[in-house]
PDB file of all heavy atoms in Angstrom:
ATOM      1  N   ILE A   1     118.382 142.284 132.049  1.00  0.00           N
ATOM      2  CA  ILE A   1     117.870 141.311 131.123  1.00  0.00           C
ATOM      3  C   ILE A   1     117.773 141.929 129.731  1.00  0.00           C
ATOM      4  O   ILE A   1     117.468 143.116 129.577  1.00  0.00           O
ATOM      5  CB  ILE A   1     116.440 140.841 131.574  1.00  0.00           C
ATOM      6  CG1 ILE A   1     115.938 139.670 130.697  1.00  0.00           C
ATOM      7  CG2 ILE A   1     115.434 141.991 131.594  1.00  0.00           C
ATOM      8  CD1 ILE A   1     114.664 139.027 131.240  1.00  0.00           C
ATOM      9  N   SER A   2     118.082 141.125 128.714  1.00  0.00           N
ATOM     10  CA  SER A   2     118.008 141.590 127.338  1.00  0.00           C
ATOM     11  C   SER A   2     117.724 140.445 126.407  1.00  0.00           C
ATOM     12  O   SER A   2     117.803 139.258 126.837  1.00  0.00           O
ATOM     13  CB  SER A   2     119.343 142.295 126.943  1.00  0.00           C
ATOM     14  OG  SER A   2     120.397 141.377 127.030  1.00  0.00           O
ATOM     15  N   ARG A   3     117.436 140.747 125.168  1.00  0.00           N
ATOM     16  CA  ARG A   3     117.152 139.689 124.194  1.00  0.00           C
ATOM     17  C   ARG A   3     117.692 140.093 122.845  1.00  0.00           C
ATOM     18  O   ARG A   3     117.776 141.263 122.485  1.00  0.00           O
ATOM     19  CB  ARG A   3     115.633 139.470 124.118  1.00  0.00           C
ATOM     20  CG  ARG A   3     114.815 140.627 123.579  1.00  0.00           C
ATOM     21  CD  ARG A   3     113.315 140.417 123.762  1.00  0.00           C
ATOM     22  NE  ARG A   3     112.875 139.197 123.096  1.00  0.00           N
ATOM     23  CZ  ARG A   3     111.763 138.509 123.433  1.00  0.00           C
ATOM     24  NH1 ARG A   3     111.012 138.954 124.410  1.00  0.00           N
ATOM     25  NH2 ARG A   3     111.443 137.418 122.773  1.00  0.00           N
ATOM     26  N   ASP A   4     118.087 139.057 122.080  1.00  0.00           N
ATOM     27  CA  ASP A   4     118.553 139.221 120.682  1.00  0.00           C
ATOM     28  C   ASP A   4     117.692 138.298 119.844  1.00  0.00           C
ATOM     29  O   ASP A   4     117.915 137.092 119.786  1.00  0.00           O
ATOM     30  CB  ASP A   4     120.014 138.858 120.561  1.00  0.00           C
ATOM     31  CG  ASP A   4     120.579 139.138 119.192  1.00  0.00           C
ATOM     32  OD1 ASP A   4     119.796 139.145 118.222  1.00  0.00           O
ATOM     33  OD2 ASP A   4     121.797 139.347 119.081  1.00  0.00           O
ATOM     34  N   ASN A   5     116.688 138.874 119.212  1.00  0.00           N
ATOM     35  CA  ASN A   5     115.718 138.081 118.446  1.00  0.00           C
ATOM     36  C   ASN A   5     116.365 137.451 117.221  1.00  0.00           C
ATOM     37  O   ASN A   5     115.940 136.349 116.777  1.00  0.00           O
ATOM     38  CB  ASN A   5     114.498 138.921 118.037  1.00  0.00           C
ATOM     39  CG  ASN A   5     113.704 139.375 119.249  1.00  0.00           C
ATOM     40  OD1 ASN A   5     113.664 138.691 120.273  1.00  0.00           O
ATOM     41  ND2 ASN A   5     113.044 140.513 119.106  1.00  0.00           N
ATOM     42  N   ALA A   6     117.348 138.074 116.655  1.00  0.00           N
ATOM     43  CA  ALA A   6     118.026 137.505 115.524  1.00  0.00           C
ATOM     44  C   ALA A   6     118.775 136.212 115.868  1.00  0.00           C
ATOM     45  O   ALA A   6     118.934 135.339 115.025  1.00  0.00           O
ATOM     46  CB  ALA A   6     118.992 138.505 114.897  1.00  0.00           C
ATOM     47  N   LYS A   7     119.193 136.128 117.142  1.00  0.00           N
ATOM     48  CA  LYS A   7     119.904 134.968 117.602  1.00  0.00           C
ATOM     49  C   LYS A   7     119.027 134.034 118.426  1.00  0.00           C
ATOM     50  O   LYS A   7     119.537 133.009 118.948  1.00  0.00           O
ATOM     51  CB  LYS A   7     121.116 135.385 118.432  1.00  0.00           C
ATOM     52  CG  LYS A   7     122.191 136.126 117.650  1.00  0.00           C
ATOM     53  CD  LYS A   7     123.368 136.520 118.525  1.00  0.00           C
ATOM     54  CE  LYS A   7     124.436 137.222 117.735  1.00  0.00           C
ATOM     55  NZ  LYS A   7     125.618 137.556 118.572  1.00  0.00           N
ATOM     56  N   ASN A   8     117.790 134.400 118.607  1.00  0.00           N
ATOM     57  CA  ASN A   8     116.877 133.600 119.430  1.00  0.00           C
ATOM     58  C   ASN A   8     117.455 133.337 120.833  1.00  0.00           C
ATOM     59  O   ASN A   8     117.435 132.196 121.338  1.00  0.00           O
ATOM     60  CB  ASN A   8     116.535 132.243 118.756  1.00  0.00           C
ATOM     61  CG  ASN A   8     115.544 132.374 117.633  1.00  0.00           C
ATOM     62  OD1 ASN A   8     114.968 133.465 117.411  1.00  0.00           O
ATOM     63  ND2 ASN A   8     115.297 131.319 116.920  1.00  0.00           N
ATOM     64  N   THR A   9     117.972 134.368 121.425  1.00  0.00           N
ATOM     65  CA  THR A   9     118.693 134.231 122.659  1.00  0.00           C
ATOM     66  C   THR A   9     118.278 135.283 123.674  1.00  0.00           C
ATOM     67  O   THR A   9     118.161 136.473 123.315  1.00  0.00           O
ATOM     68  CB  THR A   9     120.192 134.252 122.476  1.00  0.00           C
ATOM     69  OG1 THR A   9     120.566 133.232 121.556  1.00  0.00           O
ATOM     70  CG2 THR A   9     120.919 134.036 123.771  1.00  0.00           C
ATOM     71  N   LEU A  10     118.067 134.824 124.915  1.00  0.00           N
ATOM     72  CA  LEU A  10     117.782 135.708 126.055  1.00  0.00           C
ATOM     73  C   LEU A  10     119.030 135.749 126.932  1.00  0.00           C
ATOM     74  O   LEU A  10     119.754 134.774 127.047  1.00  0.00           O
ATOM     75  CB  LEU A  10     116.620 135.101 126.821  1.00  0.00           C
ATOM     76  CG  LEU A  10     116.192 135.777 128.094  1.00  0.00           C
ATOM     77  CD1 LEU A  10     115.441 137.105 127.780  1.00  0.00           C
ATOM     78  CD2 LEU A  10     115.305 134.868 128.932  1.00  0.00           C
ATOM     79  N   TYR A  11     119.255 136.923 127.557  1.00  0.00           N
ATOM     80  CA  TYR A  11     120.440 137.096 128.387  1.00  0.00           C
ATOM     81  C   TYR A  11     120.065 137.632 129.765  1.00  0.00           C
ATOM     82  O   TYR A  11     119.040 138.314 129.925  1.00  0.00           O
ATOM     83  CB  TYR A  11     121.414 138.063 127.730  1.00  0.00           C
ATOM     84  CG  TYR A  11     121.914 137.722 126.367  1.00  0.00           C
ATOM     85  CD1 TYR A  11     121.338 138.282 125.231  1.00  0.00           C
ATOM     86  CD2 TYR A  11     122.920 136.784 126.214  1.00  0.00           C
ATOM     87  CE1 TYR A  11     121.787 137.931 123.965  1.00  0.00           C
ATOM     88  CE2 TYR A  11     123.360 136.422 124.950  1.00  0.00           C
ATOM     89  CZ  TYR A  11     122.789 136.991 123.812  1.00  0.00           C
ATOM     90  OH  TYR A  11     123.258 136.617 122.573  1.00  0.00           O
ATOM     91  N   LEU A  12     120.950 137.346 130.707  1.00  0.00           N
ATOM     92  CA  LEU A  12     120.870 137.934 132.012  1.00  0.00           C
ATOM     93  C   LEU A  12     122.284 138.330 132.420  1.00  0.00           C
ATOM     94  O   LEU A  12     123.096 137.438 132.729  1.00  0.00           O
ATOM     95  CB  LEU A  12     120.238 137.008 133.041  1.00  0.00           C
ATOM     96  CG  LEU A  12     120.032 137.651 134.427  1.00  0.00           C
ATOM     97  CD1 LEU A  12     118.931 138.710 134.359  1.00  0.00           C
ATOM     98  CD2 LEU A  12     119.640 136.614 135.479  1.00  0.00           C
ATOM     99  N   GLN A  13     122.564 139.611 132.417  1.00  0.00           N
ATOM    100  CA  GLN A  13     123.865 140.125 132.857  1.00  0.00           C
ATOM    101  C   GLN A  13     123.768 140.381 134.350  1.00  0.00           C
ATOM    102  O   GLN A  13     122.965 141.166 134.768  1.00  0.00           O
ATOM    103  CB  GLN A  13     124.219 141.401 132.113  1.00  0.00           C
ATOM    104  CG  GLN A  13     125.552 141.994 132.528  1.00  0.00           C
ATOM    105  CD  GLN A  13     126.729 141.148 132.153  1.00  0.00           C
ATOM    106  OE1 GLN A  13     126.868 140.718 131.019  1.00  0.00           O
ATOM    107  NE2 GLN A  13     127.631 140.904 133.148  1.00  0.00           N
ATOM    108  N   MET A  14     124.653 139.714 135.101  1.00  0.00           N
ATOM    109  CA  MET A  14     124.625 139.829 136.542  1.00  0.00           C
ATOM    110  C   MET A  14     125.928 140.479 137.031  1.00  0.00           C
ATOM    111  O   MET A  14     126.984 139.977 136.716  1.00  0.00           O
ATOM    112  CB  MET A  14     124.431 138.439 137.169  1.00  0.00           C
ATOM    113  CG  MET A  14     123.219 137.715 136.688  1.00  0.00           C
ATOM    114  SD  MET A  14     122.978 136.101 137.478  1.00  0.00           S
ATOM    115  CE  MET A  14     124.368 135.212 136.771  1.00  0.00           C
ATOM    116  N   SER A  15     125.820 141.546 137.776  1.00  0.00           N
ATOM    117  CA  SER A  15     126.979 142.247 138.300  1.00  0.00           C
ATOM    118  C   SER A  15     126.827 142.437 139.801  1.00  0.00           C
ATOM    119  O   SER A  15     125.770 142.244 140.344  1.00  0.00           O
ATOM    120  CB  SER A  15     127.088 143.624 137.618  1.00  0.00           C
ATOM    121  OG  SER A  15     127.120 143.485 136.224  1.00  0.00           O
ATOM    122  N   SER A  16     127.945 142.785 140.413  1.00  0.00           N
ATOM    123  CA  SER A  16     127.981 142.997 141.876  1.00  0.00           C
ATOM    124  C   SER A  16     127.315 141.799 142.599  1.00  0.00           C
ATOM    125  O   SER A  16     126.477 141.994 143.500  1.00  0.00           O
ATOM    126  CB  SER A  16     127.249 144.306 142.259  1.00  0.00           C
ATOM    127  OG  SER A  16     127.864 145.395 141.631  1.00  0.00           O
ATOM    128  N   LEU A  17     127.722 140.635 142.229  1.00  0.00           N
ATOM    129  CA  LEU A  17     127.067 139.437 142.742  1.00  0.00           C
ATOM    130  C   LEU A  17     127.340 139.265 144.204  1.00  0.00           C
ATOM    131  O   LEU A  17     128.407 139.622 144.731  1.00  0.00           O
ATOM    132  CB  LEU A  17     127.522 138.226 141.969  1.00  0.00           C
ATOM    133  CG  LEU A  17     126.911 138.047 140.583  1.00  0.00           C
ATOM    134  CD1 LEU A  17     127.696 137.135 139.696  1.00  0.00           C
ATOM    135  CD2 LEU A  17     125.470 137.548 140.740  1.00  0.00           C
ATOM    136  N   LYS A  18     126.320 138.735 144.915  1.00  0.00           N
ATOM    137  CA  LYS A  18     126.404 138.504 146.320  1.00  0.00           C
ATOM    138  C   LYS A  18     126.186 136.990 146.609  1.00  0.00           C
ATOM    139  O   LYS A  18     125.662 136.264 145.784  1.00  0.00           O
ATOM    140  CB  LYS A  18     125.255 139.280 147.035  1.00  0.00           C
ATOM    141  CG  LYS A  18     125.243 140.758 146.726  1.00  0.00           C
ATOM    142  CD  LYS A  18     124.020 141.423 147.364  1.00  0.00           C
ATOM    143  CE  LYS A  18     123.953 142.887 147.049  1.00  0.00           C
ATOM    144  NZ  LYS A  18     122.793 143.546 147.658  1.00  0.00           N
ATOM    145  N   ALA A  19     126.600 136.566 147.792  1.00  0.00           N
ATOM    146  CA  ALA A  19     126.453 135.172 148.149  1.00  0.00           C
ATOM    147  C   ALA A  19     124.994 134.745 148.054  1.00  0.00           C
ATOM    148  O   ALA A  19     124.679 133.605 147.658  1.00  0.00           O
ATOM    149  CB  ALA A  19     126.992 134.926 149.551  1.00  0.00           C
ATOM    150  N   GLU A  20     124.066 135.651 148.412  1.00  0.00           N
ATOM    151  CA  GLU A  20     122.649 135.300 148.345  1.00  0.00           C
ATOM    152  C   GLU A  20     122.106 135.180 146.960  1.00  0.00           C
ATOM    153  O   GLU A  20     120.942 134.811 146.769  1.00  0.00           O
ATOM    154  CB  GLU A  20     121.821 136.319 149.184  1.00  0.00           C
ATOM    155  CG  GLU A  20     122.107 137.780 148.818  1.00  0.00           C
ATOM    156  CD  GLU A  20     123.092 138.424 149.770  1.00  0.00           C
ATOM    157  OE1 GLU A  20     124.134 137.739 150.123  1.00  0.00           O
ATOM    158  OE2 GLU A  20     122.869 139.545 150.160  1.00  0.00           O
ATOM    159  N   ASP A  21     122.881 135.487 145.934  1.00  0.00           N
ATOM    160  CA  ASP A  21     122.480 135.247 144.536  1.00  0.00           C
ATOM    161  C   ASP A  21     122.738 133.794 144.126  1.00  0.00           C
ATOM    162  O   ASP A  21     122.330 133.380 143.028  1.00  0.00           O
ATOM    163  CB  ASP A  21     123.235 136.164 143.607  1.00  0.00           C
ATOM    164  CG  ASP A  21     122.878 137.639 143.792  1.00  0.00           C
ATOM    165  OD1 ASP A  21     121.681 137.940 143.991  1.00  0.00           O
ATOM    166  OD2 ASP A  21     123.791 138.486 143.747  1.00  0.00           O
ATOM    167  N   THR A  22     123.381 133.027 144.960  1.00  0.00           N
ATOM    168  CA  THR A  22     123.648 131.622 144.653  1.00  0.00           C
ATOM    169  C   THR A  22     122.336 130.883 144.483  1.00  0.00           C
ATOM    170  O   THR A  22     121.470 130.861 145.374  1.00  0.00           O
ATOM    171  CB  THR A  22     124.481 130.975 145.773  1.00  0.00           C
ATOM    172  OG1 THR A  22     125.759 131.588 145.842  1.00  0.00           O
ATOM    173  CG2 THR A  22     124.622 129.469 145.560  1.00  0.00           C
ATOM    174  N   ALA A  23     122.188 130.262 143.304  1.00  0.00           N
ATOM    175  CA  ALA A  23     120.930 129.541 142.976  1.00  0.00           C
ATOM    176  C   ALA A  23     121.111 128.880 141.618  1.00  0.00           C
ATOM    177  O   ALA A  23     122.046 129.095 140.930  1.00  0.00           O
ATOM    178  CB  ALA A  23     119.757 130.544 142.945  1.00  0.00           C
ATOM    179  N   VAL A  24     120.083 128.070 141.305  1.00  0.00           N
ATOM    180  CA  VAL A  24     119.912 127.601 139.933  1.00  0.00           C
ATOM    181  C   VAL A  24     119.014 128.591 139.206  1.00  0.00           C
ATOM    182  O   VAL A  24     117.932 128.889 139.723  1.00  0.00           O
ATOM    183  CB  VAL A  24     119.330 126.175 139.865  1.00  0.00           C
ATOM    184  CG1 VAL A  24     119.130 125.750 138.429  1.00  0.00           C
ATOM    185  CG2 VAL A  24     120.217 125.196 140.614  1.00  0.00           C
ATOM    186  N   TYR A  25     119.478 129.086 138.085  1.00  0.00           N
ATOM    187  CA  TYR A  25     118.725 130.078 137.313  1.00  0.00           C
ATOM    188  C   TYR A  25     118.053 129.439 136.110  1.00  0.00           C
ATOM    189  O   TYR A  25     118.700 128.644 135.400  1.00  0.00           O
ATOM    190  CB  TYR A  25     119.679 131.191 136.855  1.00  0.00           C
ATOM    191  CG  TYR A  25     120.076 132.123 137.993  1.00  0.00           C
ATOM    192  CD1 TYR A  25     120.923 131.697 138.969  1.00  0.00           C
ATOM    193  CD2 TYR A  25     119.541 133.407 138.039  1.00  0.00           C
ATOM    194  CE1 TYR A  25     121.270 132.569 140.047  1.00  0.00           C
ATOM    195  CE2 TYR A  25     119.892 134.273 139.049  1.00  0.00           C
ATOM    196  CZ  TYR A  25     120.731 133.845 140.063  1.00  0.00           C
ATOM    197  OH  TYR A  25     121.076 134.685 141.088  1.00  0.00           O
ATOM    198  N   TYR A  26     116.816 129.794 135.879  1.00  0.00           N
ATOM    199  CA  TYR A  26     115.980 129.219 134.846  1.00  0.00           C
ATOM    200  C   TYR A  26     115.424 130.348 133.917  1.00  0.00           C
ATOM    201  O   TYR A  26     114.961 131.356 134.426  1.00  0.00           O
ATOM    202  CB  TYR A  26     114.800 128.472 135.396  1.00  0.00           C
ATOM    203  CG  TYR A  26     115.170 127.327 136.331  1.00  0.00           C
ATOM    204  CD1 TYR A  26     115.291 127.520 137.681  1.00  0.00           C
ATOM    205  CD2 TYR A  26     115.334 126.012 135.802  1.00  0.00           C
ATOM    206  CE1 TYR A  26     115.597 126.470 138.538  1.00  0.00           C
ATOM    207  CE2 TYR A  26     115.653 124.986 136.650  1.00  0.00           C
ATOM    208  CZ  TYR A  26     115.785 125.188 138.021  1.00  0.00           C
ATOM    209  OH  TYR A  26     116.086 124.154 138.848  1.00  0.00           O
ATOM    210  N   CYS A  27     115.460 130.079 132.643  1.00  0.00           N
ATOM    211  CA  CYS A  27     114.718 130.990 131.730  1.00  0.00           C
ATOM    212  C   CYS A  27     113.411 130.276 131.366  1.00  0.00           C
ATOM    213  O   CYS A  27     113.280 129.069 131.430  1.00  0.00           O
ATOM    214  CB  CYS A  27     115.534 131.283 130.455  1.00  0.00           C
ATOM    215  SG  CYS A  27     115.966 129.812 129.474  1.00  0.00           S
ATOM    216  N   ALA A  28     112.437 131.106 131.018  1.00  0.00           N
ATOM    217  CA  ALA A  28     111.105 130.569 130.730  1.00  0.00           C
ATOM    218  C   ALA A  28     110.342 131.462 129.754  1.00  0.00           C
ATOM    219  O   ALA A  28     110.599 132.691 129.649  1.00  0.00           O
ATOM    220  CB  ALA A  28     110.287 130.469 132.047  1.00  0.00           C
ATOM    221  N   VAL A  29     109.395 130.853 129.073  1.00  0.00           N
ATOM    222  CA  VAL A  29     108.570 131.545 128.066  1.00  0.00           C
ATOM    223  C   VAL A  29     107.181 131.804 128.635  1.00  0.00           C
ATOM    224  O   VAL A  29     106.520 130.872 129.089  1.00  0.00           O
ATOM    225  CB  VAL A  29     108.400 130.671 126.789  1.00  0.00           C
ATOM    226  CG1 VAL A  29     107.644 131.477 125.728  1.00  0.00           C
ATOM    227  CG2 VAL A  29     109.734 130.188 126.276  1.00  0.00           C
ATOM    228  N   HIS A  30     106.758 133.067 128.554  1.00  0.00           N
ATOM    229  CA  HIS A  30     105.414 133.371 129.051  1.00  0.00           C
ATOM    230  C   HIS A  30     104.385 132.794 128.110  1.00  0.00           C
ATOM    231  O   HIS A  30     104.566 132.714 126.911  1.00  0.00           O
ATOM    232  CB  HIS A  30     105.265 134.890 129.154  1.00  0.00           C
ATOM    233  CG  HIS A  30     104.056 135.309 129.935  1.00  0.00           C
ATOM    234  ND1 HIS A  30     102.880 135.711 129.291  1.00  0.00           N
ATOM    235  CD2 HIS A  30     103.844 135.371 131.248  1.00  0.00           C
ATOM    236  CE1 HIS A  30     101.992 136.012 130.261  1.00  0.00           C
ATOM    237  NE2 HIS A  30     102.531 135.807 131.452  1.00  0.00           N
ATOM    238  N   ARG A  31     103.248 132.377 128.682  1.00  0.00           N
ATOM    239  CA  ARG A  31     102.233 131.696 127.917  1.00  0.00           C
ATOM    240  C   ARG A  31     101.502 132.581 126.891  1.00  0.00           C
ATOM    241  O   ARG A  31     100.919 132.053 125.953  1.00  0.00           O
ATOM    242  CB  ARG A  31     101.229 131.053 128.856  1.00  0.00           C
ATOM    243  CG  ARG A  31     100.400 132.052 129.649  1.00  0.00           C
ATOM    244  CD  ARG A  31      99.394 131.367 130.545  1.00  0.00           C
ATOM    245  NE  ARG A  31     100.002 130.294 131.341  1.00  0.00           N
ATOM    246  CZ  ARG A  31      99.384 129.614 132.284  1.00  0.00           C
ATOM    247  NH1 ARG A  31      98.137 129.941 132.587  1.00  0.00           N
ATOM    248  NH2 ARG A  31      99.983 128.663 132.929  1.00  0.00           N
ATOM    249  N   GLN A  32     101.521 133.871 127.076  1.00  0.00           N
ATOM    250  CA  GLN A  32     100.726 134.743 126.217  1.00  0.00           C
ATOM    251  C   GLN A  32     101.634 135.487 125.262  1.00  0.00           C
ATOM    252  O   GLN A  32     102.632 136.100 125.657  1.00  0.00           O
ATOM    253  CB  GLN A  32      99.961 135.760 127.076  1.00  0.00           C
ATOM    254  CG  GLN A  32      99.084 136.708 126.269  1.00  0.00           C
ATOM    255  CD  GLN A  32      98.307 137.666 127.185  1.00  0.00           C
ATOM    256  OE1 GLN A  32      98.301 137.523 128.391  1.00  0.00           O
ATOM    257  NE2 GLN A  32      97.657 138.644 126.578  1.00  0.00           N
TER     258      GLN A  32
END
């Protein structure tokens, strides 16, 4: 996981993917 504050963008680099990684992925903002 990484972030680029200048671009207001969050990233998730996923490698060596497995069948069990199949899902809907969501980003979210912590309340604090």
